[in-house]
Amino acid sequence: MTRNKRAKSVIIMSFLFLFYGLLFITGAIEAYENPVWKIFGGIFVTGGFMFSFGQFVPSWDSSYYNLMMSQNIPYRDYLSSKWWLMVIVTLISAVLASFYLIFGWKVYLLVLAAAVYNIGINAHIVLLAGAFTRTPIDLMSNKNAFGNKKAFNFKTLLLIIPQILIPLALYYLGIAFFNDLIGLLFVALAGVAGFAFKGYVFDKIEHIYKTQKYETISAYKQKN
C-alpha cells in the first residue's frame, strides 16, 4: 500500500475522511443542518478507505489479474483478504475518530454505529460493486484516481442505495418515532445483521465474481 502512488493517494484520502464528519456535526454546511445528515458524515468518517479501495476490487490487481487467475487462487480466499483489510482499516479509523468525543459522547456513538454498518453492510457492497467496475488501475500513476467511465454504471450507482440511503432512512425512522439513540441502534443493528449473514452474502458475491471472470480479464487487457 505504501510502494506506489495510487495506493498512497487512497491512504491520504482515508485519513482526510476522518475529518469529513466535522462539516455536518459543526453545522459548517447550512444545507445539511438536518440531524439525519450526521449519519451520512459518520459513514464516510470510518468508511473513507472502504469506499476508495473496495469499489476497485479487483482492479487493484488488474496488471496481473490474468496471471493470478491462472494460479487457481480460490475466489473466497481472495475476497476474504480484501474484506479483512477493509474491516481492519475501518476499526482503526473508528479508534482514530475518538477525537469526536470533544463534541459529546453521542457524536462518537454515531461514528461507532456508522462503523458497524460499514463493516456489516458496506464492506460487502463495495466488494460486489468491484465485480462490475472493471477499471484497470496503474498503481504507479494517479491518473483516473476515481476511475474512468467504467467505474460508473447503472449497477454500481444502484448500489449507492444500501450504502448511503438505507442508513439515512433507518436513522430518520429512529428519530421520527423514538429518539436519536434508537436511530443509531437501528443503523448498528442493520450492520450486525449483515455481519451475521456474512457467509451467505459471500457465497453470492463469489458466484458473481466467477460469472464475471472472463469479462473482467478481457476488460483489463484493454487500455484506459
C-alpha atoms as a PDB file:
ATOM      1  CA  MET A   1       0.000   0.000   0.000  1.00  0.00           C
ATOM      2  CA  THR A   2       2.930   2.363   0.538  1.00  0.00           C
ATOM      3  CA  ARG A   3       5.026   1.425  -2.501  1.00  0.00           C
ATOM      4  CA  ASN A   4       3.023   3.090  -5.262  1.00  0.00           C
ATOM      5  CA  LYS A   5       1.362   6.444  -5.951  1.00  0.00           C
ATOM      6  CA  ARG A   6      -2.207   5.236  -6.336  1.00  0.00           C
ATOM      7  CA  ALA A   7      -2.314   3.343  -3.035  1.00  0.00           C
ATOM      8  CA  LYS A   8      -0.659   6.225  -1.203  1.00  0.00           C
ATOM      9  CA  SER A   9      -3.391   8.509  -2.505  1.00  0.00           C
ATOM     10  CA  VAL A  10      -6.025   6.198  -1.045  1.00  0.00           C
ATOM     11  CA  ILE A  11      -4.301   6.231   2.345  1.00  0.00           C
ATOM     12  CA  ILE A  12      -4.152  10.031   2.343  1.00  0.00           C
ATOM     13  CA  MET A  13      -7.800  10.284   1.298  1.00  0.00           C
ATOM     14  CA  SER A  14      -8.802   7.843   4.035  1.00  0.00           C
ATOM     15  CA  PHE A  15      -7.061   9.996   6.643  1.00  0.00           C
ATOM     16  CA  LEU A  16      -8.744  13.157   5.369  1.00  0.00           C
ATOM     17  CA  PHE A  17     -12.141  11.476   5.515  1.00  0.00           C
ATOM     18  CA  LEU A  18     -11.705  11.206   9.294  1.00  0.00           C
ATOM     19  CA  PHE A  19     -12.429  14.926   9.433  1.00  0.00           C
ATOM     20  CA  TYR A  20     -15.304  14.831   6.950  1.00  0.00           C
ATOM     21  CA  GLY A  21     -17.848  14.497   9.730  1.00  0.00           C
ATOM     22  CA  LEU A  22     -16.899  17.903  11.079  1.00  0.00           C
ATOM     23  CA  LEU A  23     -18.737  19.526   8.171  1.00  0.00           C
ATOM     24  CA  PHE A  24     -22.007  18.021   9.386  1.00  0.00           C
ATOM     25  CA  ILE A  25     -21.515  17.950  13.149  1.00  0.00           C
ATOM     26  CA  THR A  26     -20.405  21.580  13.430  1.00  0.00           C
ATOM     27  CA  GLY A  27     -23.071  22.824  11.030  1.00  0.00           C
ATOM     28  CA  ALA A  28     -20.431  24.206   8.665  1.00  0.00           C
ATOM     29  CA  ILE A  29     -22.712  23.366   5.726  1.00  0.00           C
ATOM     30  CA  GLU A  30     -26.050  25.084   6.269  1.00  0.00           C
ATOM     31  CA  ALA A  31     -27.869  22.882   3.769  1.00  0.00           C
ATOM     32  CA  TYR A  32     -27.003  19.805   5.839  1.00  0.00           C
ATOM     33  CA  GLU A  33     -28.118  21.031   9.262  1.00  0.00           C
ATOM     34  CA  ASN A  34     -30.833  18.368   9.415  1.00  0.00           C
ATOM     35  CA  PRO A  35     -29.765  15.785  12.075  1.00  0.00           C
ATOM     36  CA  VAL A  36     -30.227  12.939   9.595  1.00  0.00           C
ATOM     37  CA  TRP A  37     -27.217  14.126   7.590  1.00  0.00           C
ATOM     38  CA  LYS A  38     -24.968  13.441  10.568  1.00  0.00           C
ATOM     39  CA  ILE A  39     -25.131   9.710   9.875  1.00  0.00           C
ATOM     40  CA  PHE A  40     -24.075  10.491   6.304  1.00  0.00           C
ATOM     41  CA  GLY A  41     -20.927  12.110   7.650  1.00  0.00           C
ATOM     42  CA  GLY A  42     -20.399   9.227  10.075  1.00  0.00           C
ATOM     43  CA  ILE A  43     -20.490   6.673   7.261  1.00  0.00           C
ATOM     44  CA  PHE A  44     -17.619   8.426   5.486  1.00  0.00           C
ATOM     45  CA  VAL A  45     -15.568   9.100   8.640  1.00  0.00           C
ATOM     46  CA  THR A  46     -14.862   5.390   9.105  1.00  0.00           C
ATOM     47  CA  GLY A  47     -15.588   4.275   5.532  1.00  0.00           C
ATOM     48  CA  GLY A  48     -13.221   6.518   3.584  1.00  0.00           C
ATOM     49  CA  PHE A  49     -10.769   3.710   2.889  1.00  0.00           C
ATOM     50  CA  MET A  50     -13.536   1.216   2.286  1.00  0.00           C
ATOM     51  CA  PHE A  51     -15.116   3.305  -0.477  1.00  0.00           C
ATOM     52  CA  SER A  52     -11.804   4.424  -2.005  1.00  0.00           C
ATOM     53  CA  PHE A  53     -10.301   0.936  -2.039  1.00  0.00           C
ATOM     54  CA  GLY A  54     -13.162  -1.544  -2.005  1.00  0.00           C
ATOM     55  CA  GLN A  55     -15.036  -0.361  -5.070  1.00  0.00           C
ATOM     56  CA  PHE A  56     -11.930  -1.078  -7.175  1.00  0.00           C
ATOM     57  CA  VAL A  57     -11.532  -4.693  -6.094  1.00  0.00           C
ATOM     58  CA  PRO A  58     -10.206  -6.496  -8.113  1.00  0.00           C
ATOM     59  CA  SER A  59      -8.965  -3.572 -10.226  1.00  0.00           C
ATOM     60  CA  TRP A  60      -6.005  -3.112  -7.877  1.00  0.00           C
ATOM     61  CA  ASP A  61      -4.682  -6.381  -9.291  1.00  0.00           C
ATOM     62  CA  SER A  62      -5.587  -5.607 -12.910  1.00  0.00           C
ATOM     63  CA  SER A  63      -1.980  -5.592 -14.146  1.00  0.00           C
ATOM     64  CA  TYR A  64      -1.519  -9.247 -13.180  1.00  0.00           C
ATOM     65  CA  TYR A  65      -5.127 -10.422 -12.835  1.00  0.00           C
ATOM     66  CA  ASN A  66      -4.854 -12.861 -15.737  1.00  0.00           C
ATOM     67  CA  LEU A  67      -1.773 -14.490 -14.194  1.00  0.00           C
ATOM     68  CA  MET A  68      -3.444 -14.596 -10.789  1.00  0.00           C
ATOM     69  CA  MET A  69      -6.484 -16.366 -12.181  1.00  0.00           C
ATOM     70  CA  SER A  70      -4.260 -18.943 -13.870  1.00  0.00           C
ATOM     71  CA  GLN A  71      -2.869 -19.853 -10.439  1.00  0.00           C
ATOM     72  CA  ASN A  72      -6.275 -21.202  -9.413  1.00  0.00           C
ATOM     73  CA  ILE A  73      -6.469 -18.948  -6.360  1.00  0.00           C
ATOM     74  CA  PRO A  74      -9.832 -19.539  -4.624  1.00  0.00           C
ATOM     75  CA  TYR A  75     -12.074 -16.519  -5.054  1.00  0.00           C
ATOM     76  CA  ARG A  76     -13.281 -16.957  -1.476  1.00  0.00           C
ATOM     77  CA  ASP A  77      -9.774 -16.502  -0.088  1.00  0.00           C
ATOM     78  CA  TYR A  78      -9.108 -13.568  -2.404  1.00  0.00           C
ATOM     79  CA  LEU A  79     -12.301 -11.746  -1.437  1.00  0.00           C
ATOM     80  CA  SER A  80     -11.857 -12.524   2.257  1.00  0.00           C
ATOM     81  CA  SER A  81      -8.398 -10.965   2.260  1.00  0.00           C
ATOM     82  CA  LYS A  82      -9.801  -7.760   0.762  1.00  0.00           C
ATOM     83  CA  TRP A  83     -12.724  -7.796   3.191  1.00  0.00           C
ATOM     84  CA  TRP A  84     -10.481  -8.187   6.211  1.00  0.00           C
ATOM     85  CA  LEU A  85      -8.243  -5.357   5.022  1.00  0.00           C
ATOM     86  CA  MET A  86     -11.251  -3.036   4.815  1.00  0.00           C
ATOM     87  CA  VAL A  87     -12.593  -4.161   8.187  1.00  0.00           C
ATOM     88  CA  ILE A  88      -9.249  -3.648   9.924  1.00  0.00           C
ATOM     89  CA  VAL A  89      -8.833  -0.156   8.485  1.00  0.00           C
ATOM     90  CA  THR A  90     -12.440   0.672   9.443  1.00  0.00           C
ATOM     91  CA  LEU A  91     -11.738  -0.365  13.035  1.00  0.00           C
ATOM     92  CA  ILE A  92      -8.543   1.685  13.085  1.00  0.00           C
ATOM     93  CA  SER A  93     -10.472   4.650  11.695  1.00  0.00           C
ATOM     94  CA  ALA A  94     -13.084   4.264  14.429  1.00  0.00           C
ATOM     95  CA  VAL A  95     -10.357   4.454  17.068  1.00  0.00           C
ATOM     96  CA  LEU A  96      -8.660   7.441  15.423  1.00  0.00           C
ATOM     97  CA  ALA A  97     -12.034   9.173  15.204  1.00  0.00           C
ATOM     98  CA  SER A  98     -12.293   9.164  19.004  1.00  0.00           C
ATOM     99  CA  PHE A  99     -11.487  12.889  18.895  1.00  0.00           C
ATOM    100  CA  TYR A 100     -15.182  13.364  18.080  1.00  0.00           C
ATOM    101  CA  LEU A 101     -15.747  12.836  21.800  1.00  0.00           C
ATOM    102  CA  ILE A 102     -14.922  16.531  22.052  1.00  0.00           C
ATOM    103  CA  PHE A 103     -18.426  17.158  20.690  1.00  0.00           C
ATOM    104  CA  GLY A 104     -20.039  14.744  23.124  1.00  0.00           C
ATOM    105  CA  TRP A 105     -20.414  11.005  23.596  1.00  0.00           C
ATOM    106  CA  LYS A 106     -23.493  10.892  21.344  1.00  0.00           C
ATOM    107  CA  VAL A 107     -21.469  12.176  18.411  1.00  0.00           C
ATOM    108  CA  TYR A 108     -18.830   9.485  18.850  1.00  0.00           C
ATOM    109  CA  LEU A 109     -21.582   6.902  19.313  1.00  0.00           C
ATOM    110  CA  LEU A 110     -22.858   7.981  15.899  1.00  0.00           C
ATOM    111  CA  VAL A 111     -19.397   7.347  14.418  1.00  0.00           C
ATOM    112  CA  LEU A 112     -19.295   3.886  16.032  1.00  0.00           C
ATOM    113  CA  ALA A 113     -22.780   2.985  14.780  1.00  0.00           C
ATOM    114  CA  ALA A 114     -21.745   4.022  11.273  1.00  0.00           C
ATOM    115  CA  ALA A 115     -18.601   1.894  11.601  1.00  0.00           C
ATOM    116  CA  VAL A 116     -20.703  -1.157  12.489  1.00  0.00           C
ATOM    117  CA  TYR A 117     -22.871  -0.531   9.430  1.00  0.00           C
ATOM    118  CA  ASN A 118     -19.786  -0.175   7.251  1.00  0.00           C
ATOM    119  CA  ILE A 119     -18.385  -3.487   8.470  1.00  0.00           C
ATOM    120  CA  GLY A 120     -21.641  -5.426   8.314  1.00  0.00           C
ATOM    121  CA  ILE A 121     -23.163  -3.992   5.145  1.00  0.00           C
ATOM    122  CA  ASN A 122     -20.928  -1.675   3.144  1.00  0.00           C
ATOM    123  CA  ALA A 123     -17.866  -3.924   3.189  1.00  0.00           C
ATOM    124  CA  HIS A 124     -19.918  -6.480   1.264  1.00  0.00           C
ATOM    125  CA  ILE A 125     -21.488  -3.941  -1.062  1.00  0.00           C
ATOM    126  CA  VAL A 126     -18.190  -2.404  -2.200  1.00  0.00           C
ATOM    127  CA  LEU A 127     -16.847  -5.874  -2.965  1.00  0.00           C
ATOM    128  CA  LEU A 128     -19.943  -6.515  -5.050  1.00  0.00           C
ATOM    129  CA  ALA A 129     -19.507  -3.171  -6.816  1.00  0.00           C
ATOM    130  CA  GLY A 130     -15.929  -4.124  -7.656  1.00  0.00           C
ATOM    131  CA  ALA A 131     -17.177  -7.047  -9.726  1.00  0.00           C
ATOM    132  CA  PHE A 132     -18.886  -4.600 -12.086  1.00  0.00           C
ATOM    133  CA  THR A 133     -16.284  -1.835 -12.179  1.00  0.00           C
ATOM    134  CA  ARG A 134     -13.530  -3.393 -14.306  1.00  0.00           C
ATOM    135  CA  THR A 135     -11.392  -0.256 -14.382  1.00  0.00           C
ATOM    136  CA  PRO A 136      -7.698  -1.112 -14.974  1.00  0.00           C
ATOM    137  CA  ILE A 137      -5.508   0.658 -12.432  1.00  0.00           C
ATOM    138  CA  ASP A 138      -1.967   1.840 -12.994  1.00  0.00           C
ATOM    139  CA  LEU A 139      -0.503   1.604  -9.497  1.00  0.00           C
ATOM    140  CA  MET A 140       2.315   3.981 -10.371  1.00  0.00           C
ATOM    141  CA  SER A 141       0.012   6.769 -11.541  1.00  0.00           C
ATOM    142  CA  ASN A 142      -2.770   8.880 -10.036  1.00  0.00           C
ATOM    143  CA  LYS A 143      -4.494   9.169 -13.411  1.00  0.00           C
ATOM    144  CA  ASN A 144      -8.227   8.457 -13.137  1.00  0.00           C
ATOM    145  CA  ALA A 145      -7.928   8.361  -9.357  1.00  0.00           C
ATOM    146  CA  PHE A 146     -11.687   7.926  -9.065  1.00  0.00           C
ATOM    147  CA  GLY A 147     -11.920   5.566 -12.016  1.00  0.00           C
ATOM    148  CA  ASN A 148     -12.910   6.182 -15.608  1.00  0.00           C
ATOM    149  CA  LYS A 149     -16.388   5.875 -17.085  1.00  0.00           C
ATOM    150  CA  LYS A 150     -16.338   2.106 -16.497  1.00  0.00           C
ATOM    151  CA  ALA A 151     -16.358   2.767 -12.749  1.00  0.00           C
ATOM    152  CA  PHE A 152     -19.784   4.387 -13.006  1.00  0.00           C
ATOM    153  CA  ASN A 153     -22.567   2.282 -14.444  1.00  0.00           C
ATOM    154  CA  PHE A 154     -26.147   1.523 -13.553  1.00  0.00           C
ATOM    155  CA  LYS A 155     -25.282  -1.408 -11.307  1.00  0.00           C
ATOM    156  CA  THR A 156     -22.667   0.436  -9.256  1.00  0.00           C
ATOM    157  CA  LEU A 157     -24.877   3.519  -8.970  1.00  0.00           C
ATOM    158  CA  LEU A 158     -27.781   1.338  -7.836  1.00  0.00           C
ATOM    159  CA  LEU A 159     -25.633   0.022  -5.001  1.00  0.00           C
ATOM    160  CA  ILE A 160     -25.461   3.540  -3.550  1.00  0.00           C
ATOM    161  CA  ILE A 161     -28.966   2.934  -2.140  1.00  0.00           C
ATOM    162  CA  PRO A 162     -27.932   0.385   0.527  1.00  0.00           C
ATOM    163  CA  GLN A 163     -24.593   2.140   1.038  1.00  0.00           C
ATOM    164  CA  ILE A 164     -25.923   5.581   1.864  1.00  0.00           C
ATOM    165  CA  LEU A 165     -29.697   5.933   1.628  1.00  0.00           C
ATOM    166  CA  ILE A 166     -30.682   2.980   3.818  1.00  0.00           C
ATOM    167  CA  PRO A 167     -28.667   4.080   6.894  1.00  0.00           C
ATOM    168  CA  LEU A 168     -30.083   7.587   6.463  1.00  0.00           C
ATOM    169  CA  ALA A 169     -33.600   6.132   6.313  1.00  0.00           C
ATOM    170  CA  LEU A 170     -33.029   3.939   9.375  1.00  0.00           C
ATOM    171  CA  TYR A 171     -31.677   6.865  11.360  1.00  0.00           C
ATOM    172  CA  TYR A 172     -34.599   9.037  10.266  1.00  0.00           C
ATOM    173  CA  LEU A 173     -37.146   6.421  11.363  1.00  0.00           C
ATOM    174  CA  GLY A 174     -35.487   6.138  14.745  1.00  0.00           C
ATOM    175  CA  ILE A 175     -35.565   9.901  15.247  1.00  0.00           C
ATOM    176  CA  ALA A 176     -39.102  10.282  13.916  1.00  0.00           C
ATOM    177  CA  PHE A 177     -40.713   7.634  16.114  1.00  0.00           C
ATOM    178  CA  PHE A 178     -38.347   7.456  19.080  1.00  0.00           C
ATOM    179  CA  ASN A 179     -35.119   9.418  19.532  1.00  0.00           C
ATOM    180  CA  ASP A 180     -31.610   9.769  18.095  1.00  0.00           C
ATOM    181  CA  LEU A 181     -30.224   6.881  20.165  1.00  0.00           C
ATOM    182  CA  ILE A 182     -32.830   4.489  18.768  1.00  0.00           C
ATOM    183  CA  GLY A 183     -31.946   5.778  15.306  1.00  0.00           C
ATOM    184  CA  LEU A 184     -28.311   4.867  15.899  1.00  0.00           C
ATOM    185  CA  LEU A 185     -29.424   1.499  17.254  1.00  0.00           C
ATOM    186  CA  PHE A 186     -31.331   0.812  14.025  1.00  0.00           C
ATOM    187  CA  VAL A 187     -28.217   1.606  11.977  1.00  0.00           C
ATOM    188  CA  ALA A 188     -25.973  -0.541  14.156  1.00  0.00           C
ATOM    189  CA  LEU A 189     -28.403  -3.480  14.184  1.00  0.00           C
ATOM    190  CA  ALA A 190     -28.508  -3.424  10.386  1.00  0.00           C
ATOM    191  CA  GLY A 191     -24.720  -3.773  10.418  1.00  0.00           C
ATOM    192  CA  VAL A 192     -24.881  -6.637  12.926  1.00  0.00           C
ATOM    193  CA  ALA A 193     -27.472  -8.406  10.773  1.00  0.00           C
ATOM    194  CA  GLY A 194     -25.256  -8.018   7.722  1.00  0.00           C
ATOM    195  CA  PHE A 195     -22.306  -9.488   9.596  1.00  0.00           C
ATOM    196  CA  ALA A 196     -24.433 -12.404  10.817  1.00  0.00           C
ATOM    197  CA  PHE A 197     -25.242 -13.339   7.206  1.00  0.00           C
ATOM    198  CA  LYS A 198     -21.639 -12.859   6.035  1.00  0.00           C
ATOM    199  CA  GLY A 199     -21.264 -16.465   4.866  1.00  0.00           C
ATOM    200  CA  TYR A 200     -24.423 -16.392   2.761  1.00  0.00           C
ATOM    201  CA  VAL A 201     -23.578 -12.995   1.274  1.00  0.00           C
ATOM    202  CA  PHE A 202     -20.030 -14.089   0.426  1.00  0.00           C
ATOM    203  CA  ASP A 203     -21.405 -17.113  -1.424  1.00  0.00           C
ATOM    204  CA  LYS A 204     -23.452 -14.801  -3.635  1.00  0.00           C
ATOM    205  CA  ILE A 205     -20.591 -12.351  -4.209  1.00  0.00           C
ATOM    206  CA  GLU A 206     -18.183 -15.182  -5.015  1.00  0.00           C
ATOM    207  CA  HIS A 207     -20.644 -16.556  -7.569  1.00  0.00           C
ATOM    208  CA  ILE A 208     -20.927 -13.145  -9.250  1.00  0.00           C
ATOM    209  CA  TYR A 209     -17.151 -12.770  -9.444  1.00  0.00           C
ATOM    210  CA  LYS A 210     -16.887 -16.194 -11.056  1.00  0.00           C
ATOM    211  CA  THR A 211     -19.546 -15.421 -13.650  1.00  0.00           C
ATOM    212  CA  GLN A 212     -17.836 -12.091 -14.445  1.00  0.00           C
ATOM    213  CA  LYS A 213     -14.339 -13.598 -14.521  1.00  0.00           C
ATOM    214  CA  TYR A 214     -13.696 -13.627 -18.268  1.00  0.00           C
ATOM    215  CA  GLU A 215     -15.351 -10.258 -18.886  1.00  0.00           C
ATOM    216  CA  THR A 216     -13.085  -8.808 -16.199  1.00  0.00           C
ATOM    217  CA  ILE A 217      -9.974 -10.361 -17.723  1.00  0.00           C
ATOM    218  CA  SER A 218     -10.953  -9.008 -21.143  1.00  0.00           C
ATOM    219  CA  ALA A 219     -11.532  -5.506 -19.722  1.00  0.00           C
ATOM    220  CA  TYR A 220      -8.135  -5.465 -18.020  1.00  0.00           C
ATOM    221  CA  LYS A 221      -6.408  -6.299 -21.303  1.00  0.00           C
ATOM    222  CA  GLN A 222      -7.732  -3.070 -22.791  1.00  0.00           C
ATOM    223  CA  LYS A 223      -6.196   0.340 -22.322  1.00  0.00           C
ATOM    224  CA  ASN A 224      -7.950   3.071 -20.357  1.00  0.00           C
END
